[in-house]
Amino acid sequence: MSEWVEQGRRAEARYRDGEVRLPEDRDVRQRQLTRMGNAAWAAGLAALMDGREDDARAWLERSAARYRESWDDAPPDSWGRPVAILKSLLLAGLPADQTARWTLAQGAAEAESPIGRYAAALAGAVLGDWEAVRVLADSLRVGDGFPHDVADALAFLAAEDVVGYTEAVESVLESFETREEFLEDVRVADTVLVLQALARTRAIEAELTSPLLPATT
């Protein structure tokens, strides 16, 4: 049994355990739904790394659904959830236009939080509004608290700058390769995969290899 199969099974077990213990209290429930979203995300990434695309798609779709279900009772400015929903759908290869419009309707583009504006930038990219992506990426580049190479990659995607994008996404990949902590301990460069999915729509996807990426990437 491969490491990814075993890691995926553990994540699936965490998800199923949460599924049978969903509480009624709304605050406790939204936190449990978020944990389930995290577990489904981990199961999806593990399947993706193992080359099981159908399983990956199913688990990433579950992840998006649980994060979305948790949003209504989440604390204000929980912008990590729209980011996670969009990333899940992009990696699953599922339609994300409706979620992108919903994200913008929540006020993500006007958020003080850089994570909120990141959500808006992803939404803009999904919708093909590259001018909005450029403006949002520039706002993320100048402040603290957000990875500048991710903002650079989004800005270069908006500009269709092949060389700039390649250098930026390689920097993002290097940051993953040198980090110690990963969500749910799943060692996958998920942000790189999301950027590459968006780059594919611009026909400027970079050629990358890493133990943190699927072999077919």
N, C-alpha and C. Protein backbone atom coordinates (compact mmCIF):
# COMPACT_ATOMS: atom_id res chain seq x y z
N MET A 1 0.85 -1.20 0.00
CA MET A 1 0.00 0.00 0.00
C MET A 1 0.89 1.25 0.00
N SER A 2 0.61 2.19 -0.90
CA SER A 2 1.43 3.39 -0.99
C SER A 2 1.17 4.31 0.20
N GLU A 3 2.15 5.18 0.44
CA GLU A 3 2.01 6.17 1.51
C GLU A 3 0.78 7.03 1.29
N TRP A 4 0.50 7.38 0.03
CA TRP A 4 -0.63 8.25 -0.26
C TRP A 4 -1.96 7.55 -0.01
N VAL A 5 -2.03 6.26 -0.32
CA VAL A 5 -3.26 5.51 -0.04
C VAL A 5 -3.52 5.48 1.45
N GLU A 6 -2.48 5.21 2.23
CA GLU A 6 -2.64 5.15 3.68
C GLU A 6 -3.02 6.51 4.24
N GLN A 7 -2.37 7.56 3.76
CA GLN A 7 -2.70 8.89 4.26
C GLN A 7 -4.13 9.28 3.87
N GLY A 8 -4.53 8.90 2.68
CA GLY A 8 -5.90 9.17 2.25
C GLY A 8 -6.92 8.44 3.10
N ARG A 9 -6.64 7.20 3.44
CA ARG A 9 -7.57 6.43 4.27
C ARG A 9 -7.72 7.04 5.66
N ARG A 10 -6.62 7.53 6.20
CA ARG A 10 -6.70 8.18 7.52
C ARG A 10 -7.56 9.44 7.44
N ALA A 11 -7.38 10.21 6.37
CA ALA A 11 -8.17 11.43 6.19
C ALA A 11 -9.64 11.10 6.00
N GLU A 12 -9.93 10.06 5.21
CA GLU A 12 -11.31 9.65 5.01
C GLU A 12 -11.96 9.21 6.32
N ALA A 13 -11.19 8.53 7.17
CA ALA A 13 -11.72 8.09 8.47
C ALA A 13 -12.05 9.30 9.35
N ARG A 14 -11.19 10.33 9.31
CA ARG A 14 -11.48 11.55 10.09
C ARG A 14 -12.75 12.21 9.59
N TYR A 15 -12.93 12.21 8.28
CA TYR A 15 -14.14 12.81 7.71
C TYR A 15 -15.39 12.05 8.15
N ARG A 16 -15.35 10.72 8.02
CA ARG A 16 -16.51 9.91 8.39
C ARG A 16 -16.83 10.04 9.87
N ASP A 17 -15.80 10.13 10.68
CA ASP A 17 -16.02 10.29 12.12
C ASP A 17 -16.74 11.61 12.40
N GLY A 18 -16.31 12.67 11.73
CA GLY A 18 -16.98 13.95 11.90
C GLY A 18 -18.41 13.94 11.38
N GLU A 19 -18.63 13.18 10.34
CA GLU A 19 -19.96 13.12 9.70
C GLU A 19 -21.01 12.53 10.64
N VAL A 20 -20.62 11.55 11.45
CA VAL A 20 -21.59 10.91 12.34
C VAL A 20 -21.72 11.65 13.67
N ARG A 21 -20.90 12.69 13.86
CA ARG A 21 -20.94 13.41 15.14
C ARG A 21 -21.21 14.89 14.95
N LEU A 22 -21.98 15.26 13.92
CA LEU A 22 -22.26 16.67 13.69
C LEU A 22 -23.19 17.21 14.77
N PRO A 23 -22.77 18.23 15.52
CA PRO A 23 -23.59 18.76 16.62
C PRO A 23 -24.68 19.71 16.13
N GLU A 24 -25.61 20.02 16.99
CA GLU A 24 -26.69 20.95 16.66
C GLU A 24 -26.27 22.40 16.89
N ASP A 25 -25.47 22.64 17.93
CA ASP A 25 -25.01 23.99 18.23
C ASP A 25 -24.33 24.59 16.99
N ARG A 26 -24.76 25.77 16.57
CA ARG A 26 -24.33 26.31 15.29
C ARG A 26 -22.84 26.64 15.25
N ASP A 27 -22.33 27.18 16.34
CA ASP A 27 -20.90 27.51 16.35
C ASP A 27 -20.04 26.25 16.36
N VAL A 28 -20.42 25.30 17.19
CA VAL A 28 -19.67 24.04 17.24
C VAL A 28 -19.79 23.32 15.90
N ARG A 29 -20.97 23.42 15.29
CA ARG A 29 -21.20 22.74 14.01
C ARG A 29 -20.31 23.33 12.90
N GLN A 30 -20.21 24.67 12.84
CA GLN A 30 -19.40 25.25 11.77
C GLN A 30 -17.93 24.88 11.93
N ARG A 31 -17.47 24.74 13.17
CA ARG A 31 -16.09 24.32 13.37
C ARG A 31 -15.89 22.86 12.98
N GLN A 32 -16.88 22.03 13.28
CA GLN A 32 -16.80 20.63 12.89
C GLN A 32 -16.84 20.49 11.37
N LEU A 33 -17.68 21.28 10.71
CA LEU A 33 -17.74 21.24 9.26
C LEU A 33 -16.41 21.66 8.64
N THR A 34 -15.76 22.63 9.26
CA THR A 34 -14.45 23.05 8.77
C THR A 34 -13.42 21.93 8.90
N ARG A 35 -13.46 21.24 10.04
CA ARG A 35 -12.54 20.10 10.21
C ARG A 35 -12.83 19.02 9.17
N MET A 36 -14.12 18.81 8.87
CA MET A 36 -14.47 17.84 7.84
C MET A 36 -13.98 18.30 6.47
N GLY A 37 -14.10 19.60 6.22
CA GLY A 37 -13.57 20.14 4.96
C GLY A 37 -12.07 19.90 4.86
N ASN A 38 -11.37 20.11 5.96
CA ASN A 38 -9.92 19.87 5.97
C ASN A 38 -9.60 18.40 5.69
N ALA A 39 -10.35 17.51 6.31
CA ALA A 39 -10.11 16.08 6.13
C ALA A 39 -10.40 15.66 4.69
N ALA A 40 -11.49 16.17 4.11
CA ALA A 40 -11.83 15.84 2.73
C ALA A 40 -10.78 16.40 1.78
N TRP A 41 -10.27 17.60 2.09
CA TRP A 41 -9.19 18.21 1.31
C TRP A 41 -7.96 17.31 1.32
N ALA A 42 -7.61 16.82 2.50
CA ALA A 42 -6.45 15.93 2.63
C ALA A 42 -6.66 14.65 1.83
N ALA A 43 -7.85 14.07 1.92
CA ALA A 43 -8.14 12.85 1.17
C ALA A 43 -8.07 13.11 -0.34
N GLY A 44 -8.55 14.27 -0.76
CA GLY A 44 -8.50 14.61 -2.18
C GLY A 44 -7.09 14.79 -2.69
N LEU A 45 -6.25 15.48 -1.92
CA LEU A 45 -4.87 15.69 -2.33
C LEU A 45 -4.10 14.37 -2.36
N ALA A 46 -4.35 13.52 -1.37
CA ALA A 46 -3.68 12.22 -1.34
C ALA A 46 -4.05 11.40 -2.58
N ALA A 47 -5.33 11.42 -2.95
CA ALA A 47 -5.77 10.69 -4.15
C ALA A 47 -5.15 11.29 -5.40
N LEU A 48 -5.05 12.62 -5.44
CA LEU A 48 -4.45 13.29 -6.59
C LEU A 48 -2.98 12.89 -6.73
N MET A 49 -2.27 12.84 -5.62
CA MET A 49 -0.86 12.46 -5.65
C MET A 49 -0.69 11.00 -6.04
N ASP A 50 -1.70 10.18 -5.75
CA ASP A 50 -1.65 8.76 -6.06
C ASP A 50 -2.16 8.46 -7.47
N GLY A 51 -2.56 9.50 -8.19
CA GLY A 51 -3.02 9.31 -9.56
C GLY A 51 -4.45 8.84 -9.69
N ARG A 52 -5.24 8.90 -8.61
CA ARG A 52 -6.64 8.47 -8.65
C ARG A 52 -7.52 9.70 -8.84
N GLU A 53 -7.66 10.12 -10.07
CA GLU A 53 -8.31 11.40 -10.36
C GLU A 53 -9.79 11.42 -9.97
N ASP A 54 -10.49 10.32 -10.20
CA ASP A 54 -11.92 10.29 -9.85
C ASP A 54 -12.11 10.42 -8.34
N ASP A 55 -11.31 9.71 -7.56
CA ASP A 55 -11.39 9.81 -6.10
C ASP A 55 -11.03 11.22 -5.65
N ALA A 56 -10.00 11.78 -6.28
CA ALA A 56 -9.58 13.14 -5.92
C ALA A 56 -10.71 14.12 -6.16
N ARG A 57 -11.36 13.99 -7.30
CA ARG A 57 -12.46 14.91 -7.64
C ARG A 57 -13.60 14.80 -6.64
N ALA A 58 -13.94 13.58 -6.27
CA ALA A 58 -15.05 13.37 -5.33
C ALA A 58 -14.74 13.96 -3.97
N TRP A 59 -13.53 13.74 -3.47
CA TRP A 59 -13.20 14.25 -2.15
C TRP A 59 -13.02 15.76 -2.15
N LEU A 60 -12.47 16.31 -3.20
CA LEU A 60 -12.32 17.76 -3.26
C LEU A 60 -13.67 18.45 -3.39
N GLU A 61 -14.61 17.80 -4.08
CA GLU A 61 -15.97 18.35 -4.16
C GLU A 61 -16.62 18.32 -2.78
N ARG A 62 -16.41 17.24 -2.02
CA ARG A 62 -16.92 17.19 -0.64
C ARG A 62 -16.28 18.30 0.20
N SER A 63 -15.01 18.50 0.03
CA SER A 63 -14.32 19.54 0.78
C SER A 63 -14.96 20.90 0.53
N ALA A 64 -15.16 21.23 -0.75
CA ALA A 64 -15.78 22.51 -1.09
C ALA A 64 -17.16 22.64 -0.46
N ALA A 65 -17.93 21.57 -0.48
CA ALA A 65 -19.29 21.59 0.06
C ALA A 65 -19.29 21.82 1.57
N ARG A 66 -18.38 21.18 2.29
CA ARG A 66 -18.33 21.33 3.74
C ARG A 66 -17.86 22.74 4.12
N TYR A 67 -16.86 23.25 3.42
CA TYR A 67 -16.41 24.62 3.71
C TYR A 67 -17.54 25.62 3.45
N ARG A 68 -18.28 25.42 2.35
CA ARG A 68 -19.37 26.33 2.03
C ARG A 68 -20.47 26.23 3.09
N GLU A 69 -20.76 25.01 3.54
CA GLU A 69 -21.79 24.79 4.56
C GLU A 69 -21.41 25.47 5.87
N SER A 70 -20.12 25.57 6.13
CA SER A 70 -19.66 26.16 7.40
C SER A 70 -19.70 27.69 7.37
N TRP A 71 -19.78 28.29 6.19
CA TRP A 71 -19.60 29.73 6.06
C TRP A 71 -20.67 30.54 6.79
N ASP A 72 -21.93 30.15 6.71
CA ASP A 72 -23.02 30.97 7.22
C ASP A 72 -22.91 31.24 8.72
N ASP A 73 -22.34 30.30 9.46
CA ASP A 73 -22.22 30.48 10.91
C ASP A 73 -20.77 30.76 11.33
N ALA A 74 -19.92 31.02 10.36
CA ALA A 74 -18.51 31.28 10.67
C ALA A 74 -18.34 32.69 11.24
N PRO A 75 -17.26 32.93 11.99
CA PRO A 75 -16.98 34.29 12.46
C PRO A 75 -16.79 35.24 11.29
N PRO A 76 -16.98 36.54 11.50
CA PRO A 76 -16.75 37.51 10.41
C PRO A 76 -15.34 37.39 9.85
N ASP A 77 -15.23 37.66 8.56
CA ASP A 77 -13.93 37.68 7.87
C ASP A 77 -13.22 36.33 7.88
N SER A 78 -13.98 35.27 7.83
CA SER A 78 -13.37 33.93 7.73
C SER A 78 -13.05 33.64 6.26
N TRP A 79 -12.18 34.47 5.70
CA TRP A 79 -11.94 34.43 4.26
C TRP A 79 -11.18 33.19 3.81
N GLY A 80 -10.56 32.50 4.74
CA GLY A 80 -9.89 31.27 4.36
C GLY A 80 -10.84 30.25 3.77
N ARG A 81 -12.12 30.34 4.12
CA ARG A 81 -13.09 29.35 3.62
C ARG A 81 -13.42 29.54 2.15
N PRO A 82 -13.73 30.77 1.70
CA PRO A 82 -13.90 30.94 0.24
C PRO A 82 -12.64 30.58 -0.54
N VAL A 83 -11.47 30.89 0.01
CA VAL A 83 -10.23 30.49 -0.65
C VAL A 83 -10.19 28.97 -0.80
N ALA A 84 -10.50 28.27 0.30
CA ALA A 84 -10.45 26.81 0.29
C ALA A 84 -11.49 26.23 -0.67
N ILE A 85 -12.66 26.84 -0.76
CA ILE A 85 -13.70 26.35 -1.67
C ILE A 85 -13.22 26.48 -3.12
N LEU A 86 -12.71 27.66 -3.46
CA LEU A 86 -12.25 27.88 -4.83
C LEU A 86 -11.08 26.97 -5.17
N LYS A 87 -10.15 26.82 -4.25
CA LYS A 87 -9.00 25.94 -4.51
C LYS A 87 -9.47 24.50 -4.71
N SER A 88 -10.41 24.04 -3.89
CA SER A 88 -10.91 22.68 -4.03
C SER A 88 -11.54 22.46 -5.41
N LEU A 89 -12.36 23.40 -5.84
CA LEU A 89 -13.03 23.26 -7.13
C LEU A 89 -12.03 23.32 -8.28
N LEU A 90 -11.06 24.22 -8.18
CA LEU A 90 -10.05 24.32 -9.24
C LEU A 90 -9.25 23.03 -9.36
N LEU A 91 -8.84 22.48 -8.23
CA LEU A 91 -8.04 21.25 -8.27
C LEU A 91 -8.88 20.06 -8.71
N ALA A 92 -10.17 20.10 -8.45
CA ALA A 92 -11.06 19.02 -8.88
C ALA A 92 -11.43 19.13 -10.35
N GLY A 93 -11.13 20.28 -10.95
CA GLY A 93 -11.53 20.50 -12.34
C GLY A 93 -13.02 20.68 -12.50
N LEU A 94 -13.66 21.22 -11.45
CA LEU A 94 -15.10 21.41 -11.46
C LEU A 94 -15.45 22.87 -11.74
N PRO A 95 -16.63 23.16 -12.26
CA PRO A 95 -17.03 24.54 -12.52
C PRO A 95 -16.98 25.37 -11.23
N ALA A 96 -16.41 26.56 -11.33
CA ALA A 96 -16.25 27.40 -10.14
C ALA A 96 -16.81 28.80 -10.34
N ASP A 97 -17.45 29.06 -11.48
CA ASP A 97 -17.95 30.41 -11.76
C ASP A 97 -18.95 30.88 -10.71
N GLN A 98 -19.89 30.01 -10.36
CA GLN A 98 -20.91 30.40 -9.39
C GLN A 98 -20.28 30.71 -8.04
N THR A 99 -19.34 29.89 -7.63
CA THR A 99 -18.65 30.14 -6.35
C THR A 99 -17.84 31.42 -6.42
N ALA A 100 -17.23 31.69 -7.57
CA ALA A 100 -16.46 32.92 -7.72
C ALA A 100 -17.36 34.14 -7.57
N ARG A 101 -18.52 34.11 -8.20
CA ARG A 101 -19.45 35.25 -8.07
C ARG A 101 -19.95 35.37 -6.64
N TRP A 102 -20.22 34.24 -5.98
CA TRP A 102 -20.65 34.27 -4.58
C TRP A 102 -19.55 34.88 -3.70
N THR A 103 -18.31 34.52 -3.94
CA THR A 103 -17.18 35.06 -3.16
C THR A 103 -17.12 36.58 -3.28
N LEU A 104 -17.26 37.07 -4.48
CA LEU A 104 -17.21 38.52 -4.69
C LEU A 104 -18.42 39.20 -4.06
N ALA A 105 -19.56 38.52 -4.07
CA ALA A 105 -20.78 39.09 -3.46
C ALA A 105 -20.64 39.23 -1.95
N GLN A 106 -19.75 38.46 -1.33
CA GLN A 106 -19.53 38.58 0.11
C GLN A 106 -18.66 39.78 0.47
N GLY A 107 -18.13 40.47 -0.55
CA GLY A 107 -17.29 41.64 -0.31
C GLY A 107 -15.81 41.34 -0.23
N ALA A 108 -15.38 40.22 -0.81
CA ALA A 108 -13.97 39.82 -0.70
C ALA A 108 -13.03 40.86 -1.28
N ALA A 109 -13.40 41.49 -2.39
CA ALA A 109 -12.51 42.45 -3.04
C ALA A 109 -12.26 43.70 -2.19
N GLU A 110 -13.19 44.00 -1.29
CA GLU A 110 -13.04 45.18 -0.44
C GLU A 110 -12.53 44.83 0.95
N ALA A 111 -12.19 43.58 1.17
CA ALA A 111 -11.77 43.14 2.50
C ALA A 111 -10.45 43.78 2.91
N GLU A 112 -10.36 44.14 4.19
CA GLU A 112 -9.09 44.63 4.72
C GLU A 112 -8.08 43.49 4.82
N SER A 113 -8.56 42.30 5.07
CA SER A 113 -7.70 41.13 5.19
C SER A 113 -7.09 40.78 3.84
N PRO A 114 -5.78 40.53 3.78
CA PRO A 114 -5.19 40.09 2.52
C PRO A 114 -5.75 38.75 2.05
N ILE A 115 -6.17 37.90 2.98
CA ILE A 115 -6.74 36.62 2.58
C ILE A 115 -8.07 36.84 1.86
N GLY A 116 -8.83 37.84 2.30
CA GLY A 116 -10.06 38.18 1.60
C GLY A 116 -9.79 38.64 0.17
N ARG A 117 -8.77 39.48 0.01
CA ARG A 117 -8.44 39.95 -1.34
C ARG A 117 -7.83 38.84 -2.19
N TYR A 118 -7.15 37.91 -1.54
CA TYR A 118 -6.67 36.72 -2.26
C TYR A 118 -7.85 35.91 -2.78
N ALA A 119 -8.87 35.74 -1.95
CA ALA A 119 -10.09 35.05 -2.39
C ALA A 119 -10.69 35.77 -3.59
N ALA A 120 -10.72 37.10 -3.54
CA ALA A 120 -11.27 37.87 -4.65
C ALA A 120 -10.42 37.72 -5.91
N ALA A 121 -9.10 37.67 -5.74
CA ALA A 121 -8.22 37.49 -6.89
C ALA A 121 -8.44 36.13 -7.55
N LEU A 122 -8.58 35.09 -6.73
CA LEU A 122 -8.87 33.77 -7.29
C LEU A 122 -10.21 33.79 -8.02
N ALA A 123 -11.21 34.45 -7.40
CA ALA A 123 -12.53 34.53 -8.03
C ALA A 123 -12.44 35.27 -9.36
N GLY A 124 -11.71 36.37 -9.38
CA GLY A 124 -11.54 37.12 -10.62
C GLY A 124 -10.87 36.30 -11.71
N ALA A 125 -9.88 35.50 -11.31
CA ALA A 125 -9.19 34.64 -12.28
C ALA A 125 -10.13 33.59 -12.84
N VAL A 126 -10.95 33.01 -11.98
CA VAL A 126 -11.92 32.02 -12.44
C VAL A 126 -12.87 32.63 -13.47
N LEU A 127 -13.27 33.88 -13.23
CA LEU A 127 -14.22 34.56 -14.11
C LEU A 127 -13.56 35.22 -15.31
N GLY A 128 -12.22 35.17 -15.35
CA GLY A 128 -11.51 35.79 -16.46
C GLY A 128 -11.42 37.30 -16.40
N ASP A 129 -11.65 37.86 -15.21
CA ASP A 129 -11.54 39.31 -15.04
C ASP A 129 -10.10 39.63 -14.63
N TRP A 130 -9.21 39.61 -15.61
CA TRP A 130 -7.78 39.71 -15.31
C TRP A 130 -7.37 41.11 -14.88
N GLU A 131 -8.10 42.14 -15.28
CA GLU A 131 -7.79 43.49 -14.79
C GLU A 131 -8.03 43.57 -13.29
N ALA A 132 -9.13 42.98 -12.82
CA ALA A 132 -9.39 42.96 -11.39
C ALA A 132 -8.32 42.14 -10.67
N VAL A 133 -7.90 41.03 -11.26
CA VAL A 133 -6.84 40.22 -10.65
C VAL A 133 -5.56 41.04 -10.52
N ARG A 134 -5.22 41.80 -11.55
CA ARG A 134 -4.00 42.62 -11.51
C ARG A 134 -4.05 43.63 -10.37
N VAL A 135 -5.18 44.31 -10.23
CA VAL A 135 -5.33 45.32 -9.17
C VAL A 135 -5.22 44.67 -7.79
N LEU A 136 -5.90 43.56 -7.62
CA LEU A 136 -5.87 42.86 -6.33
C LEU A 136 -4.48 42.31 -6.03
N ALA A 137 -3.83 41.74 -7.03
CA ALA A 137 -2.48 41.21 -6.84
C ALA A 137 -1.51 42.32 -6.45
N ASP A 138 -1.66 43.48 -7.07
CA ASP A 138 -0.78 44.61 -6.72
C ASP A 138 -0.98 45.03 -5.27
N SER A 139 -2.23 44.98 -4.79
CA SER A 139 -2.48 45.34 -3.40
C SER A 139 -1.87 44.32 -2.44
N LEU A 140 -1.80 43.06 -2.86
CA LEU A 140 -1.20 42.02 -2.03
C LEU A 140 0.32 42.09 -2.05
N ARG A 141 0.88 42.63 -3.11
CA ARG A 141 2.33 42.72 -3.24
C ARG A 141 2.93 43.75 -2.30
N VAL A 142 2.19 44.81 -1.99
CA VAL A 142 2.79 45.94 -1.26
C VAL A 142 2.67 45.82 0.25
N GLY A 143 1.81 44.94 0.73
CA GLY A 143 1.60 44.84 2.16
C GLY A 143 2.33 43.66 2.78
N ASP A 144 2.29 43.62 4.10
CA ASP A 144 2.85 42.47 4.82
C ASP A 144 1.73 41.47 5.08
N GLY A 145 2.11 40.27 5.46
CA GLY A 145 1.12 39.27 5.86
C GLY A 145 0.60 38.41 4.74
N PHE A 146 1.19 38.55 3.53
CA PHE A 146 0.80 37.69 2.42
C PHE A 146 2.04 37.36 1.62
N PRO A 147 2.19 36.11 1.18
CA PRO A 147 3.39 35.73 0.41
C PRO A 147 3.51 36.52 -0.89
N HIS A 148 4.58 37.27 -1.01
CA HIS A 148 4.72 38.14 -2.18
C HIS A 148 4.88 37.35 -3.47
N ASP A 149 5.48 36.15 -3.39
CA ASP A 149 5.65 35.39 -4.63
C ASP A 149 4.31 34.87 -5.15
N VAL A 150 3.36 34.59 -4.26
CA VAL A 150 2.02 34.20 -4.71
C VAL A 150 1.34 35.39 -5.38
N ALA A 151 1.46 36.57 -4.77
CA ALA A 151 0.90 37.78 -5.39
C ALA A 151 1.57 38.05 -6.73
N ASP A 152 2.88 37.87 -6.80
CA ASP A 152 3.59 38.06 -8.06
C ASP A 152 3.07 37.11 -9.13
N ALA A 153 2.88 35.85 -8.75
CA ALA A 153 2.39 34.87 -9.72
C ALA A 153 1.03 35.28 -10.27
N LEU A 154 0.14 35.75 -9.39
CA LEU A 154 -1.17 36.20 -9.85
C LEU A 154 -1.06 37.41 -10.77
N ALA A 155 -0.17 38.34 -10.42
CA ALA A 155 0.01 39.54 -11.26
C ALA A 155 0.56 39.15 -12.63
N PHE A 156 1.51 38.24 -12.67
CA PHE A 156 2.08 37.82 -13.95
C PHE A 156 1.08 37.00 -14.77
N LEU A 157 0.22 36.24 -14.09
CA LEU A 157 -0.86 35.56 -14.80
C LEU A 157 -1.78 36.58 -15.47
N ALA A 158 -2.11 37.62 -14.73
CA ALA A 158 -2.98 38.66 -15.28
C ALA A 158 -2.36 39.31 -16.50
N ALA A 159 -1.03 39.48 -16.47
CA ALA A 159 -0.31 40.14 -17.56
C ALA A 159 0.08 39.17 -18.67
N GLU A 160 -0.17 37.88 -18.48
CA GLU A 160 0.27 36.83 -19.42
C GLU A 160 1.78 36.90 -19.65
N ASP A 161 2.50 37.15 -18.57
CA ASP A 161 3.96 37.24 -18.60
C ASP A 161 4.53 35.86 -18.28
N VAL A 162 4.97 35.14 -19.30
CA VAL A 162 5.41 33.76 -19.13
C VAL A 162 6.63 33.66 -18.23
N VAL A 163 7.63 34.48 -18.50
CA VAL A 163 8.87 34.41 -17.72
C VAL A 163 8.62 34.82 -16.28
N GLY A 164 7.90 35.92 -16.09
CA GLY A 164 7.61 36.38 -14.73
C GLY A 164 6.81 35.36 -13.95
N TYR A 165 5.80 34.75 -14.60
CA TYR A 165 5.00 33.74 -13.91
C TYR A 165 5.85 32.54 -13.54
N THR A 166 6.67 32.07 -14.46
CA THR A 166 7.48 30.89 -14.19
C THR A 166 8.40 31.12 -13.00
N GLU A 167 9.05 32.27 -12.95
CA GLU A 167 9.95 32.57 -11.83
C GLU A 167 9.17 32.66 -10.53
N ALA A 168 7.99 33.26 -10.56
CA ALA A 168 7.19 33.42 -9.34
C ALA A 168 6.69 32.07 -8.83
N VAL A 169 6.17 31.23 -9.73
CA VAL A 169 5.62 29.95 -9.28
C VAL A 169 6.74 29.02 -8.83
N GLU A 170 7.92 29.14 -9.41
CA GLU A 170 9.06 28.36 -8.92
C GLU A 170 9.43 28.78 -7.50
N SER A 171 9.31 30.08 -7.21
CA SER A 171 9.57 30.57 -5.86
C SER A 171 8.53 30.03 -4.88
N VAL A 172 7.27 30.00 -5.31
CA VAL A 172 6.22 29.45 -4.45
C VAL A 172 6.51 27.97 -4.16
N LEU A 173 6.90 27.23 -5.18
CA LEU A 173 7.21 25.82 -5.00
C LEU A 173 8.38 25.64 -4.03
N GLU A 174 9.39 26.46 -4.17
CA GLU A 174 10.53 26.37 -3.25
C GLU A 174 10.12 26.63 -1.81
N SER A 175 9.19 27.56 -1.62
CA SER A 175 8.73 27.85 -0.25
C SER A 175 8.03 26.64 0.35
N PHE A 176 7.32 25.89 -0.47
CA PHE A 176 6.67 24.66 0.03
C PHE A 176 7.72 23.59 0.33
N GLU A 177 8.73 23.51 -0.50
CA GLU A 177 9.74 22.47 -0.33
C GLU A 177 10.60 22.69 0.91
N THR A 178 10.61 23.92 1.41
CA THR A 178 11.44 24.23 2.58
C THR A 178 10.62 24.43 3.85
N ARG A 179 9.30 24.26 3.77
CA ARG A 179 8.48 24.44 4.96
C ARG A 179 8.36 23.14 5.75
N GLU A 180 7.96 23.25 6.99
CA GLU A 180 7.81 22.09 7.86
C GLU A 180 6.35 21.70 8.08
N GLU A 181 5.45 22.70 8.04
CA GLU A 181 4.05 22.44 8.40
C GLU A 181 3.16 22.49 7.17
N PHE A 182 2.25 21.53 7.08
CA PHE A 182 1.27 21.45 6.01
C PHE A 182 -0.09 21.17 6.64
N LEU A 183 -1.16 21.69 6.02
CA LEU A 183 -2.51 21.41 6.49
C LEU A 183 -2.74 19.91 6.49
N GLU A 184 -3.19 19.37 7.62
CA GLU A 184 -3.46 17.95 7.78
C GLU A 184 -2.22 17.09 7.52
N ASP A 185 -1.04 17.72 7.57
CA ASP A 185 0.23 17.00 7.36
C ASP A 185 0.33 16.36 5.97
N VAL A 186 -0.40 16.89 5.00
CA VAL A 186 -0.33 16.38 3.64
C VAL A 186 0.69 17.23 2.88
N ARG A 187 1.82 16.63 2.57
CA ARG A 187 2.93 17.36 1.97
C ARG A 187 2.73 17.52 0.45
N VAL A 188 1.88 18.48 0.12
CA VAL A 188 1.55 18.78 -1.27
C VAL A 188 1.61 20.29 -1.45
N ALA A 189 2.20 20.73 -2.55
CA ALA A 189 2.28 22.16 -2.84
C ALA A 189 0.98 22.61 -3.49
N ASP A 190 -0.07 22.68 -2.69
CA ASP A 190 -1.41 22.91 -3.23
C ASP A 190 -1.55 24.26 -3.92
N THR A 191 -0.91 25.31 -3.37
CA THR A 191 -1.01 26.63 -4.00
C THR A 191 -0.39 26.62 -5.39
N VAL A 192 0.70 25.88 -5.55
CA VAL A 192 1.32 25.74 -6.87
C VAL A 192 0.35 25.07 -7.83
N LEU A 193 -0.33 24.02 -7.39
CA LEU A 193 -1.29 23.33 -8.25
C LEU A 193 -2.43 24.26 -8.67
N VAL A 194 -2.88 25.10 -7.75
CA VAL A 194 -3.96 26.04 -8.07
C VAL A 194 -3.47 27.08 -9.08
N LEU A 195 -2.28 27.63 -8.86
CA LEU A 195 -1.73 28.60 -9.80
C LEU A 195 -1.54 27.97 -11.18
N GLN A 196 -1.08 26.73 -11.20
CA GLN A 196 -0.89 26.05 -12.48
C GLN A 196 -2.22 25.80 -13.19
N ALA A 197 -3.26 25.50 -12.42
CA ALA A 197 -4.59 25.32 -13.03
C ALA A 197 -5.05 26.62 -13.69
N LEU A 198 -4.80 27.74 -13.03
CA LEU A 198 -5.16 29.04 -13.61
C LEU A 198 -4.26 29.37 -14.80
N ALA A 199 -2.98 29.04 -14.68
CA ALA A 199 -2.04 29.30 -15.77
C ALA A 199 -2.42 28.52 -17.03
N ARG A 200 -3.00 27.33 -16.82
CA ARG A 200 -3.42 26.51 -17.95
C ARG A 200 -4.46 27.23 -18.79
N THR A 201 -5.31 28.02 -18.13
CA THR A 201 -6.34 28.75 -18.87
C THR A 201 -5.73 29.90 -19.67
N ARG A 202 -4.49 30.29 -19.32
CA ARG A 202 -3.78 31.36 -20.03
C ARG A 202 -2.73 30.79 -20.98
N ALA A 203 -2.61 29.46 -21.00
CA ALA A 203 -1.62 28.78 -21.84
C ALA A 203 -0.19 29.18 -21.48
N ILE A 204 0.06 29.41 -20.17
CA ILE A 204 1.42 29.73 -19.73
C ILE A 204 1.84 28.87 -18.54
N GLU A 205 1.30 27.66 -18.47
CA GLU A 205 1.65 26.74 -17.39
C GLU A 205 3.14 26.45 -17.42
N ALA A 206 3.78 26.47 -16.25
CA ALA A 206 5.21 26.21 -16.15
C ALA A 206 5.47 24.71 -16.06
N GLU A 207 6.66 24.30 -16.48
CA GLU A 207 7.08 22.91 -16.34
C GLU A 207 7.77 22.76 -14.99
N LEU A 208 7.14 22.01 -14.09
CA LEU A 208 7.65 21.88 -12.73
C LEU A 208 7.70 20.41 -12.34
N THR A 209 8.71 20.05 -11.58
CA THR A 209 8.77 18.71 -10.98
C THR A 209 9.17 18.85 -9.53
N SER A 210 8.55 18.05 -8.69
CA SER A 210 8.83 18.10 -7.25
C SER A 210 8.15 16.91 -6.59
N PRO A 211 8.72 16.40 -5.51
CA PRO A 211 8.03 15.36 -4.73
C PRO A 211 6.71 15.85 -4.15
N LEU A 212 6.51 17.17 -4.14
CA LEU A 212 5.29 17.75 -3.59
C LEU A 212 4.22 17.99 -4.64
N LEU A 213 4.47 17.51 -5.86
CA LEU A 213 3.52 17.64 -6.95
C LEU A 213 3.23 16.27 -7.56
N PRO A 214 2.01 16.07 -8.10
CA PRO A 214 1.75 14.80 -8.78
C PRO A 214 2.73 14.57 -9.91
N ALA A 215 3.04 13.33 -10.16
CA ALA A 215 4.04 13.01 -11.18
C ALA A 215 3.65 13.50 -12.56
N THR A 216 2.34 13.63 -12.80
CA THR A 216 1.87 14.04 -14.12
C THR A 216 1.83 15.55 -14.29
N THR A 217 2.12 16.31 -13.20
CA THR A 217 2.04 17.77 -13.31
C THR A 217 3.16 18.30 -14.21
